[in-house]
Amino acid sequence: MAPKSPLIDILAQNLRYFRHKLGISQEELADICHLHRTYIGSVERCERNVTLTTLDTLAKGLGVKVCELLTPRDE
């Protein structure tokens, strides 16, 4: 099995951060993005390597740019 990319961790952290910032649940984000709730959870648990299309969908659903989902946050 190939090693996991650090981008997967960054995406998971940022997805959770922006979702919480909006005050929405995984299910609500899934509805906005027309994805399944369990898919959102699996991305946040670093279990998925999302496609570029899905990355764009998630960014639009959160109202952020794709680069914001892939940039480490200084917290």
Protein backbone atom coordinates (compact mmCIF):
# COMPACT_ATOMS: atom_id res chain seq x y z
CA MET A 1 0.00 0.00 0.00
CA ALA A 2 1.33 3.45 -0.94
CA PRO A 3 2.02 5.95 1.85
CA LYS A 4 -0.73 8.48 2.48
CA SER A 5 -0.18 11.99 1.14
CA PRO A 6 0.05 14.81 3.68
CA LEU A 7 -2.51 16.62 1.50
CA ILE A 8 -5.13 14.11 2.59
CA ASP A 9 -4.59 15.17 6.22
CA ILE A 10 -4.63 18.86 5.30
CA LEU A 11 -7.84 18.45 3.32
CA ALA A 12 -9.50 16.57 6.19
CA GLN A 13 -8.54 19.23 8.74
CA ASN A 14 -9.60 22.11 6.50
CA LEU A 15 -12.86 20.47 5.49
CA ARG A 16 -13.78 20.05 9.15
CA TYR A 17 -12.59 23.59 9.98
CA PHE A 18 -14.64 25.32 7.27
CA ARG A 19 -17.67 23.11 7.93
CA HIS A 20 -17.59 23.99 11.63
CA LYS A 21 -17.03 27.64 10.78
CA LEU A 22 -20.30 27.55 8.80
CA GLY A 23 -21.98 25.69 11.65
CA ILE A 24 -23.17 22.85 9.44
CA SER A 25 -23.13 19.10 9.94
CA GLN A 26 -21.55 16.52 7.68
CA GLU A 27 -25.05 15.66 6.50
CA GLU A 28 -25.83 19.29 5.66
CA LEU A 29 -22.59 19.65 3.70
CA ALA A 30 -23.33 16.41 1.90
CA ASP A 31 -26.78 17.74 0.92
CA ILE A 32 -25.29 21.01 -0.33
CA CYS A 33 -22.69 19.12 -2.39
CA HIS A 34 -25.03 16.33 -3.54
CA LEU A 35 -22.78 13.74 -1.90
CA HIS A 36 -23.50 11.04 0.68
CA ARG A 37 -23.08 11.88 4.36
CA THR A 38 -20.78 8.92 4.90
CA TYR A 39 -18.54 10.17 2.10
CA ILE A 40 -17.98 13.50 3.90
CA GLY A 41 -17.16 11.61 7.09
CA SER A 42 -14.69 9.37 5.31
CA VAL A 43 -12.92 12.39 3.81
CA GLU A 44 -12.68 13.98 7.27
CA ARG A 45 -11.23 10.71 8.63
CA CYS A 46 -8.58 10.65 5.86
CA GLU A 47 -10.06 7.51 4.34
CA ARG A 48 -10.60 8.99 0.87
CA ASN A 49 -8.38 10.37 -1.85
CA VAL A 50 -10.88 12.69 -3.53
CA THR A 51 -10.96 13.55 -7.22
CA LEU A 52 -10.38 17.08 -8.49
CA THR A 53 -14.06 17.29 -9.37
CA THR A 54 -15.10 16.38 -5.84
CA LEU A 55 -12.54 18.78 -4.39
CA ASP A 56 -14.08 21.57 -6.46
CA THR A 57 -17.57 20.52 -5.35
CA LEU A 58 -16.56 20.58 -1.68
CA ALA A 59 -14.90 23.99 -2.04
CA LYS A 60 -17.99 25.47 -3.70
CA GLY A 61 -20.23 23.93 -1.06
CA LEU A 62 -18.16 25.56 1.66
CA GLY A 63 -17.82 28.85 -0.18
CA VAL A 64 -14.02 28.70 -0.33
CA LYS A 65 -11.36 28.28 -3.00
CA VAL A 66 -9.85 24.87 -3.69
CA CYS A 67 -6.45 26.17 -2.62
CA GLU A 68 -7.90 27.01 0.82
CA LEU A 69 -8.79 23.35 1.30
CA LEU A 70 -5.25 22.27 0.43
CA THR A 71 -3.25 24.89 2.33
CA PRO A 72 -2.08 24.09 5.89
CA ARG A 73 -3.72 26.30 8.47
CA ASP A 74 -1.68 28.09 11.15
CA GLU A 75 -3.66 27.41 14.29
